């Protein structure tokens, strides 16, 4: 990708994420009366936002929808298995986060969900090889078509752009937010970085604590 295209896509991602967050926090009936909790790596939504229903396919070929988000905390982000950098780095960071949370035992670890933005190549079988390699409990999701996954990504404020590669293949540029979903299946926070283990650990604990106090 040329530098100008890269800058344009980054600008698009910022607009998408910024507009998505602004739409949530700019509605008076969605605000808490107490001061918001400050996060080092993102924005806490107060109160959490209900999610529209969706239907995807997990890495075992089973249906996965909003009902699967209830009963536990979840961290969800969009990417693809051929991603050269961000996706494997983020999955590695989230695996380290899970390990720390399990060792501490004070806060229940969230389920980690990787949603592919490359429906053509990322079949359930491909995801089942890629995603559990980082942590056996991680979940990979895909869609029946690229149109379906891009429609869902748009609803979540995730920018997706397919670019041809010199070798005749293609790459999929995408925005890099991590979505924090509470046990009610509501969007509780949007984390935009820095996605270090310690930053995510501290923010995740703040988010869970804030939810318990509400």
Protein backbone atom coordinates (compact mmCIF):
# COMPACT_ATOMS: atom_id res chain seq x y z
CA UNK A 1 0.00 0.00 0.00
CA UNK A 2 1.30 3.47 -0.85
CA UNK A 3 1.91 5.98 1.89
CA UNK A 4 -0.96 8.15 0.68
CA UNK A 5 -3.36 5.19 0.70
CA UNK A 6 -2.18 4.18 4.14
CA UNK A 7 -2.74 7.67 5.52
CA UNK A 8 -6.17 7.80 3.91
CA UNK A 9 -7.14 4.47 5.45
CA UNK A 10 -5.87 5.47 8.89
CA UNK A 11 -7.92 8.66 8.62
CA UNK A 12 -10.96 6.58 7.67
CA UNK A 13 -10.45 4.30 10.67
CA UNK A 14 -10.14 7.27 13.02
CA UNK A 15 -13.33 8.78 11.62
CA UNK A 16 -15.19 5.48 11.91
CA UNK A 17 -14.09 4.81 15.48
CA UNK A 18 -14.50 8.42 16.51
CA UNK A 19 -17.95 8.69 14.99
CA UNK A 20 -19.02 5.41 16.56
CA UNK A 21 -17.91 6.48 20.03
CA UNK A 22 -19.30 9.99 19.62
CA UNK A 23 -22.67 8.59 18.62
CA UNK A 24 -22.74 6.55 21.80
CA UNK A 25 -21.58 9.12 24.33
CA UNK A 26 -23.39 12.01 22.68
CA UNK A 27 -26.86 10.72 23.53
CA UNK A 28 -28.03 12.25 26.85
CA UNK A 29 -30.10 9.22 27.88
CA UNK A 30 -27.00 7.03 27.74
CA UNK A 31 -24.96 8.93 30.30
CA UNK A 32 -24.28 8.04 33.93
CA UNK A 33 -24.75 10.75 36.51
CA UNK A 34 -21.38 9.98 38.10
CA UNK A 35 -17.99 10.83 36.50
CA UNK A 36 -16.79 8.29 33.90
CA UNK A 37 -13.97 5.87 34.67
CA UNK A 38 -10.76 6.85 32.88
CA UNK A 39 -9.10 4.13 30.82
CA UNK A 40 -5.51 4.14 29.61
CA UNK A 41 -6.29 2.42 26.31
CA UNK A 42 -9.82 3.40 25.32
CA UNK A 43 -13.27 4.65 26.23
CA UNK A 44 -15.76 3.30 28.76
CA UNK A 45 -19.36 3.51 27.54
CA UNK A 46 -21.74 4.65 30.22
CA UNK A 47 -24.08 2.90 30.33
CA UNK A 48 -23.15 -0.08 28.12
CA UNK A 49 -24.82 -0.21 24.71
CA UNK A 50 -27.14 -3.03 23.61
CA UNK A 51 -25.89 -4.82 20.49
CA UNK A 52 -27.97 -5.65 17.44
CA UNK A 53 -28.39 -9.34 16.71
CA UNK A 54 -25.89 -11.01 14.41
CA UNK A 55 -25.22 -14.53 13.19
CA UNK A 56 -21.72 -15.79 12.37
CA UNK A 57 -19.99 -19.17 12.16
CA UNK A 58 -17.38 -20.22 14.72
CA UNK A 59 -14.18 -22.17 14.13
CA UNK A 60 -16.04 -25.44 14.77
CA UNK A 61 -18.69 -24.69 12.14
CA UNK A 62 -21.36 -23.81 14.69
CA UNK A 63 -23.65 -20.79 14.69
CA UNK A 64 -22.51 -17.92 16.94
CA UNK A 65 -24.66 -14.90 17.80
CA UNK A 66 -25.45 -12.37 20.49
CA UNK A 67 -26.73 -15.10 22.83
CA UNK A 68 -23.17 -16.51 22.97
CA UNK A 69 -21.94 -13.23 24.43
CA UNK A 70 -24.10 -13.46 27.54
CA UNK A 71 -23.01 -14.85 30.89
CA UNK A 72 -19.35 -13.80 30.73
CA UNK A 73 -17.09 -10.95 29.70
CA UNK A 74 -15.77 -10.96 26.14
CA UNK A 75 -13.02 -9.20 24.20
CA UNK A 76 -13.75 -9.07 20.47
CA UNK A 77 -11.67 -7.70 17.62
CA UNK A 78 -11.72 -7.87 13.83
CA UNK A 79 -8.82 -9.17 11.73
CA UNK A 80 -7.83 -12.00 9.39
CA UNK A 81 -5.49 -14.98 9.43
CA UNK A 82 -3.21 -13.67 6.66
CA UNK A 83 -2.66 -10.41 8.55
CA UNK A 84 1.11 -9.83 8.62
CA UNK A 85 1.43 -7.98 11.91
CA UNK A 86 -1.43 -6.53 13.98
CA UNK A 87 -3.60 -9.63 14.27
CA UNK A 88 -0.99 -12.14 15.47
CA UNK A 89 0.52 -9.49 17.76
CA UNK A 90 -2.87 -8.73 19.30
CA UNK A 91 -3.72 -12.40 19.75
CA UNK A 92 -0.35 -12.95 21.43
CA UNK A 93 -0.99 -10.00 23.75
CA UNK A 94 -4.48 -11.24 24.61
CA UNK A 95 -3.11 -14.73 25.30
CA UNK A 96 -0.66 -13.18 27.76
CA UNK A 97 -3.51 -11.19 29.33
CA UNK A 98 -5.55 -14.38 29.79
CA UNK A 99 -2.57 -16.10 31.40
CA UNK A 100 -2.11 -13.26 33.89
CA UNK A 101 -5.80 -13.15 34.76
CA UNK A 102 -5.93 -16.92 35.30
CA UNK A 103 -2.87 -16.77 37.53
CA UNK A 104 -4.24 -13.88 39.59
CA UNK A 105 -7.66 -15.46 40.04
CA UNK A 106 -9.22 -12.19 41.23
CA UNK A 107 -11.12 -11.34 38.02
CA UNK A 108 -12.66 -13.89 35.65
CA UNK A 109 -10.82 -13.95 32.30
CA UNK A 110 -12.95 -12.89 29.32
CA UNK A 111 -13.60 -15.05 26.30
CA UNK A 112 -11.52 -13.76 23.40
CA UNK A 113 -13.23 -13.60 20.00
CA UNK A 114 -11.44 -13.06 16.69
CA UNK A 115 -13.82 -12.00 13.88
CA UNK A 116 -12.41 -12.47 10.38
CA UNK A 117 -12.86 -9.71 7.82
CA UNK A 118 -11.69 -12.12 5.09
CA UNK A 119 -14.65 -14.48 4.60
CA UNK A 120 -13.26 -15.90 1.34
CA UNK A 121 -10.07 -17.37 2.81
CA UNK A 122 -10.94 -17.68 6.49
CA UNK A 123 -13.12 -20.76 6.58
CA UNK A 124 -14.02 -22.35 9.92
CA UNK A 125 -11.32 -24.97 9.31
CA UNK A 126 -8.70 -22.29 8.67
CA UNK A 127 -9.73 -20.39 11.80
CA UNK A 128 -9.63 -23.60 13.84
CA UNK A 129 -5.98 -24.01 12.88
CA UNK A 130 -5.00 -20.38 13.42
CA UNK A 131 -6.88 -19.03 16.45
CA UNK A 132 -6.47 -21.85 19.04
CA UNK A 133 -2.72 -21.82 18.40
CA UNK A 134 -2.59 -18.67 20.56
CA UNK A 135 -4.91 -20.03 23.26
CA UNK A 136 -7.11 -23.17 23.08
CA UNK A 137 -10.08 -21.23 24.47
CA UNK A 138 -9.99 -18.45 21.86
CA UNK A 139 -12.91 -18.33 19.43
CA UNK A 140 -12.68 -17.58 15.72
CA UNK A 141 -15.68 -16.32 13.76
CA UNK A 142 -16.35 -15.96 10.05
CA UNK A 143 -19.32 -15.26 7.77
CA UNK A 144 -20.85 -16.94 4.72
CA UNK A 145 -19.79 -14.04 2.49
CA UNK A 146 -17.56 -10.97 2.40
CA UNK A 147 -20.63 -8.78 2.01
CA UNK A 148 -22.08 -10.15 5.25
CA UNK A 149 -18.94 -9.59 7.29
CA UNK A 150 -18.40 -6.09 5.94
CA UNK A 151 -22.01 -5.19 6.78
CA UNK A 152 -21.44 -6.36 10.37
CA UNK A 153 -18.10 -4.56 10.61
CA UNK A 154 -19.77 -1.33 9.49
CA UNK A 155 -22.33 -1.63 12.28
CA UNK A 156 -19.47 -1.91 14.78
CA UNK A 157 -17.64 1.09 13.32
CA UNK A 158 -14.86 -1.08 11.86
CA UNK A 159 -13.43 0.16 8.56
CA UNK A 160 -12.54 -2.59 6.05
CA UNK A 161 -10.68 -2.08 2.76
CA UNK A 162 -9.40 -4.77 0.38
CA UNK A 163 -6.17 -3.91 -1.45
CA UNK A 164 -4.53 -5.88 -4.26
CA UNK A 165 -1.02 -7.15 -3.52
CA UNK A 166 1.89 -7.24 -6.05
CA UNK A 167 1.83 -11.05 -6.12
CA UNK A 168 -1.77 -11.09 -7.36
CA UNK A 169 -3.17 -11.84 -3.92
CA UNK A 170 -4.81 -9.26 -1.66
CA UNK A 171 -4.57 -7.78 1.81
CA UNK A 172 -7.43 -6.60 4.01
CA UNK A 173 -6.90 -3.36 5.88
CA UNK A 174 -9.07 -2.96 8.95
CA UNK A 175 -9.34 -0.78 12.02
CA UNK A 176 -7.88 -2.19 15.18
CA UNK A 177 -10.24 -1.58 18.11
CA UNK A 178 -10.89 -4.20 20.78
CA UNK A 179 -14.52 -4.31 21.91
CA UNK A 180 -15.27 -5.16 25.55
CA UNK A 181 -18.65 -6.87 26.00
CA UNK A 182 -20.20 -7.34 29.43
CA UNK A 183 -22.05 -10.46 30.73
CA UNK A 184 -25.39 -8.96 29.66
CA UNK A 185 -24.14 -8.99 26.07
CA UNK A 186 -23.79 -5.20 25.95
CA UNK A 187 -20.86 -3.20 24.61
CA UNK A 188 -19.10 -1.84 27.71
CA UNK A 189 -15.93 -0.25 26.29
CA UNK A 190 -13.92 0.30 23.13
CA UNK A 191 -10.14 -0.09 23.48
CA UNK A 192 -8.06 1.62 20.82
CA UNK A 193 -4.58 1.25 22.29
CA UNK A 194 -1.90 1.08 23.39
CA UNK A 195 -2.64 -2.66 23.49
CA UNK A 196 0.09 -3.72 25.90
CA UNK A 197 -0.57 -6.52 28.36
CA UNK A 198 -0.34 -4.24 31.40
CA UNK A 199 -2.54 -1.51 29.88
CA UNK A 200 -5.20 -4.03 28.92
CA UNK A 201 -4.98 -5.78 32.29
CA UNK A 202 -5.46 -2.57 34.27
CA UNK A 203 -8.26 -1.32 32.01
CA UNK A 204 -10.08 -4.64 32.03
CA UNK A 205 -10.06 -4.64 35.83
CA UNK A 206 -11.36 -1.05 35.89
CA UNK A 207 -14.15 -1.93 33.48
CA UNK A 208 -15.25 -4.99 35.47
CA UNK A 209 -15.10 -3.03 38.74
CA UNK A 210 -17.12 -0.15 37.28
CA UNK A 211 -19.74 -2.61 36.05
CA UNK A 212 -20.00 -4.24 39.47
CA UNK A 213 -20.48 -0.85 41.12
CA UNK A 214 -23.27 0.26 38.76
